[in-house]
Amino acid sequence: MNTEDFRKAIDADDGLKSKRRNLFLLSLLLLAIVVSGANIKEASSLIFKIEFTNHENLQWLLIAGIVYSIVRYYAYSEIYRNELFRIWSKKLINDPTVYFYDQQKEEVKGLVEKAVDVWGGDEPGLLEPEYRRIGLLRRVIAYPTKQEDPEHGLIYFKRYINLNKYDSRWKRKDFLLLLWIELRYRASAWVAQRETLDLVAPYLLAFIALGAFFYKKFS
């Protein structure tokens, strides 16, 4: 999926938009109550008038609604977050200062060459690397490979280079430098691709609303 297709997919996803809208509305309502110091006296719904006699419980109900909406939105938007990661991580792994495959010597150059302990002549899939996240601060480089199996014949699969495995060549400081470069590419995605803000904005508003509520509540 290229950037344009990714943008169209987000814009056309009614389910994602409805969950994002719900999270926005609940967060804005809580912010309005907290920041303005308003006390809700009554609410009109068509003909009926409802008087809220326990404003404290209403606020906690909003908190529960926001938390629930965050969880729902997080689960629903996972496919788009993964696609966004794939887009900017592809730019990262194509940065020659990070990863460069020397086709003449069949060797990996750049920062992560210290972590790659295989020769390109044995693993031509190193020409097609992928930078992947497998957990909190856990990263790998994946590349396609093949192997002869006695029962199933030639099988194709992904092999992984663990960037959290340190030795005399690849050290923790190298990995931290890689994370710093990754942070730059993440920040660039915020500026260059509006989809990043589209996906993250509901979280930002929700956390601002929750932070304002708890600050006022316990300060």
Protein backbone atom coordinates (compact mmCIF):
# COMPACT_ATOMS: atom_id res chain seq x y z
CA MET A 1 0.00 0.00 0.00
CA ASN A 2 1.55 3.31 -1.06
CA THR A 3 1.02 6.62 0.73
CA GLU A 4 -1.88 7.72 -1.47
CA ASP A 5 -3.73 4.40 -1.07
CA PHE A 6 -3.08 4.55 2.68
CA ARG A 7 -4.58 8.04 2.85
CA LYS A 8 -7.66 6.99 0.89
CA ALA A 9 -8.13 3.91 3.09
CA ILE A 10 -8.18 6.03 6.27
CA ASP A 11 -10.53 8.61 4.75
CA ALA A 12 -12.93 5.90 3.57
CA ASP A 13 -13.01 3.86 6.80
CA ASP A 14 -16.33 4.78 8.43
CA GLY A 15 -15.68 2.53 11.43
CA LEU A 16 -12.41 4.27 12.26
CA LYS A 17 -14.00 7.70 11.78
CA SER A 18 -16.92 6.90 14.10
CA LYS A 19 -14.62 5.69 16.89
CA ARG A 20 -12.35 8.69 16.43
CA ARG A 21 -15.38 11.01 16.55
CA ASN A 22 -16.69 9.39 19.76
CA LEU A 23 -13.31 9.78 21.44
CA PHE A 24 -13.10 13.43 20.35
CA LEU A 25 -16.61 14.26 21.61
CA LEU A 26 -16.15 12.63 25.01
CA SER A 27 -12.76 14.28 25.48
CA LEU A 28 -14.06 17.71 24.48
CA LEU A 29 -17.03 17.37 26.83
CA LEU A 30 -14.79 16.47 29.75
CA LEU A 31 -12.43 19.33 28.91
CA ALA A 32 -15.34 21.78 28.76
CA ILE A 33 -16.55 20.69 32.20
CA VAL A 34 -13.08 20.74 33.80
CA VAL A 35 -11.63 23.89 32.25
CA SER A 36 -14.72 26.08 32.49
CA GLY A 37 -15.65 24.85 35.96
CA ALA A 38 -19.22 24.46 34.74
CA ASN A 39 -21.84 22.67 36.79
CA ILE A 40 -24.35 20.80 34.71
CA LYS A 41 -27.85 21.74 35.89
CA GLU A 42 -29.95 20.10 33.17
CA ALA A 43 -29.76 18.71 29.67
CA SER A 44 -32.43 18.81 26.99
CA SER A 45 -33.04 15.81 24.82
CA LEU A 46 -35.94 16.51 22.46
CA ILE A 47 -38.94 17.04 24.83
CA PHE A 48 -37.42 15.59 27.96
CA LYS A 49 -35.39 17.55 30.51
CA ILE A 50 -32.95 15.58 32.61
CA GLU A 51 -31.46 17.09 35.75
CA PHE A 52 -28.09 15.77 36.79
CA THR A 53 -28.08 15.69 40.55
CA ASN A 54 -24.70 13.98 40.92
CA HIS A 55 -22.16 15.79 38.76
CA GLU A 56 -19.30 13.83 40.33
CA ASN A 57 -20.62 10.53 39.01
CA LEU A 58 -21.19 12.09 35.58
CA GLN A 59 -17.53 13.06 35.35
CA TRP A 60 -16.40 9.56 36.31
CA LEU A 61 -18.80 8.17 33.75
CA LEU A 62 -17.12 10.36 31.14
CA ILE A 63 -13.72 9.09 32.30
CA ALA A 64 -14.89 5.50 31.84
CA GLY A 65 -16.29 6.37 28.41
CA ILE A 66 -13.01 7.96 27.31
CA VAL A 67 -10.92 5.00 28.52
CA TYR A 68 -13.25 2.58 26.76
CA SER A 69 -13.11 4.67 23.58
CA ILE A 70 -9.30 4.77 23.72
CA VAL A 71 -9.15 0.96 23.90
CA ARG A 72 -11.65 0.57 21.04
CA TYR A 73 -9.91 3.16 18.88
CA TYR A 74 -6.48 1.66 19.59
CA ALA A 75 -7.62 -1.81 18.52
CA TYR A 76 -9.45 -0.56 15.45
CA SER A 77 -6.61 1.66 14.23
CA GLU A 78 -3.90 -1.00 14.58
CA ILE A 79 -3.82 -1.82 10.88
CA TYR A 80 -3.23 1.86 10.03
CA ARG A 81 -0.58 2.33 12.73
CA ASN A 82 1.28 -0.70 11.41
CA GLU A 83 1.05 0.60 7.85
CA LEU A 84 2.32 4.01 8.93
CA PHE A 85 5.24 2.32 10.71
CA ARG A 86 5.97 0.34 7.55
CA ILE A 87 6.05 3.50 5.42
CA TRP A 88 8.55 5.48 7.49
CA SER A 89 10.60 2.43 8.58
CA LYS A 90 11.16 1.65 4.89
CA LYS A 91 12.73 5.08 4.55
CA LEU A 92 14.85 4.36 7.62
CA ILE A 93 16.20 1.04 6.36
CA ASN A 94 16.92 2.62 2.95
CA ASP A 95 19.10 5.26 4.61
CA PRO A 96 22.65 4.27 3.54
CA THR A 97 24.08 5.46 6.85
CA VAL A 98 21.87 2.87 8.56
CA TYR A 99 21.79 0.00 6.05
CA PHE A 100 23.53 -0.30 2.72
CA TYR A 101 24.09 -3.50 0.76
CA ASP A 102 27.35 -3.53 -1.19
CA GLN A 103 26.50 -5.75 -4.16
CA GLN A 104 30.13 -6.08 -5.27
CA LYS A 105 31.38 -7.34 -1.91
CA GLU A 106 27.98 -8.84 -1.02
CA GLU A 107 28.20 -7.26 2.42
CA VAL A 108 26.01 -5.02 4.54
CA LYS A 109 27.43 -1.60 5.36
CA GLY A 110 26.21 1.23 7.55
CA LEU A 111 25.37 1.37 11.24
CA VAL A 112 23.75 -2.06 11.49
CA GLU A 113 26.57 -3.90 9.69
CA LYS A 114 27.92 -4.70 13.16
CA ALA A 115 24.74 -6.63 13.94
CA VAL A 116 24.65 -8.59 10.66
CA ASP A 117 26.71 -11.77 11.03
CA VAL A 118 25.77 -13.40 7.70
CA TRP A 119 27.29 -13.01 4.25
CA GLY A 120 25.20 -11.75 1.37
CA GLY A 121 26.50 -14.51 -0.88
CA ASP A 122 24.77 -17.00 1.38
CA GLU A 123 21.74 -14.80 2.04
CA PRO A 124 20.77 -12.81 -1.08
CA GLY A 125 17.59 -11.78 0.74
CA LEU A 126 19.70 -9.14 2.50
CA LEU A 127 18.93 -7.05 -0.58
CA GLU A 128 15.33 -6.77 0.66
CA PRO A 129 15.55 -5.90 4.37
CA GLU A 130 12.64 -4.83 6.57
CA TYR A 131 12.96 -2.91 9.82
CA ARG A 132 10.43 -4.32 12.28
CA ARG A 133 9.19 -3.62 15.79
CA ILE A 134 8.49 -6.75 17.85
CA GLY A 135 7.86 -5.14 21.23
CA LEU A 136 8.70 -2.19 23.43
CA LEU A 137 12.17 -1.03 22.34
CA ARG A 138 12.72 -4.36 20.58
CA ARG A 139 13.75 -4.26 16.94
CA VAL A 140 14.76 -6.77 14.27
CA ILE A 141 15.79 -6.76 10.64
CA ALA A 142 13.80 -9.27 8.60
CA TYR A 143 14.82 -10.58 5.20
CA PRO A 144 13.46 -13.32 2.90
CA THR A 145 15.34 -16.60 2.62
CA LYS A 146 14.80 -20.18 1.55
CA GLN A 147 15.83 -23.60 2.75
CA GLU A 148 15.62 -27.16 1.49
CA ASP A 149 13.42 -29.36 3.66
CA PRO A 150 13.65 -33.18 3.34
CA GLU A 151 9.87 -33.58 3.58
CA HIS A 152 8.46 -30.43 2.00
CA GLY A 153 11.15 -29.50 -0.49
CA LEU A 154 12.15 -25.86 -0.91
CA ILE A 155 10.47 -23.61 1.66
CA TYR A 156 10.47 -19.82 1.79
CA PHE A 157 10.36 -17.85 5.04
CA LYS A 158 11.60 -14.73 6.85
CA ARG A 159 14.81 -14.79 8.86
CA TYR A 160 15.38 -12.24 11.62
CA ILE A 161 18.44 -10.42 12.90
CA ASN A 162 17.89 -9.49 16.54
CA LEU A 163 19.06 -5.92 17.13
CA ASN A 164 18.71 -6.35 20.90
CA LYS A 165 21.38 -9.05 20.98
CA TYR A 166 24.70 -7.41 21.81
CA ASP A 167 28.26 -8.69 21.33
CA SER A 168 31.78 -7.33 20.90
CA ARG A 169 30.81 -5.63 17.62
CA TRP A 170 27.16 -4.59 18.04
CA LYS A 171 26.85 -2.79 21.37
CA ARG A 172 24.03 -1.17 23.30
CA LYS A 173 25.29 2.29 22.34
CA ASP A 174 24.90 1.32 18.66
CA PHE A 175 21.31 0.28 19.28
CA LEU A 176 20.60 3.52 21.15
CA LEU A 177 22.00 5.48 18.20
CA LEU A 178 19.68 3.51 15.92
CA LEU A 179 16.72 4.41 18.15
CA TRP A 180 17.75 8.07 17.95
CA ILE A 181 17.77 7.89 14.15
CA GLU A 182 14.40 6.11 14.31
CA LEU A 183 13.04 8.97 16.42
CA ARG A 184 14.08 11.44 13.73
CA TYR A 185 12.20 9.47 11.09
CA ARG A 186 9.16 9.25 13.36
CA ALA A 187 9.25 13.02 13.87
CA SER A 188 9.60 13.53 10.13
CA ALA A 189 6.49 11.41 9.57
CA TRP A 190 4.55 13.77 11.87
CA VAL A 191 5.46 16.70 9.64
CA ALA A 192 5.41 15.08 6.21
CA GLN A 193 2.32 12.87 6.51
CA ARG A 194 -0.99 14.23 7.75
CA GLU A 195 -2.16 10.65 8.40
CA THR A 196 0.09 10.55 11.47
CA LEU A 197 -1.74 13.46 13.09
CA ASP A 198 -5.09 12.05 11.97
CA LEU A 199 -4.35 8.84 13.87
CA VAL A 200 -2.69 10.37 16.93
CA ALA A 201 -4.82 13.50 17.50
CA PRO A 202 -7.65 11.63 19.32
CA TYR A 203 -5.11 10.19 21.78
CA LEU A 204 -3.58 13.61 22.40
CA LEU A 205 -6.95 15.21 23.10
CA ALA A 206 -8.01 12.32 25.33
CA PHE A 207 -4.82 12.46 27.42
CA ILE A 208 -5.06 16.26 27.71
CA ALA A 209 -8.65 15.92 28.93
CA LEU A 210 -7.75 13.17 31.42
CA GLY A 211 -4.70 15.10 32.60
CA ALA A 212 -6.73 18.27 33.14
CA PHE A 213 -9.38 16.35 35.07
CA PHE A 214 -6.97 14.57 37.41
CA TYR A 215 -4.86 17.71 37.90
CA LYS A 216 -7.90 19.69 38.98
CA LYS A 217 -9.23 16.78 41.02
CA PHE A 218 -6.13 16.14 43.09
CA SER A 219 -4.24 19.46 43.06
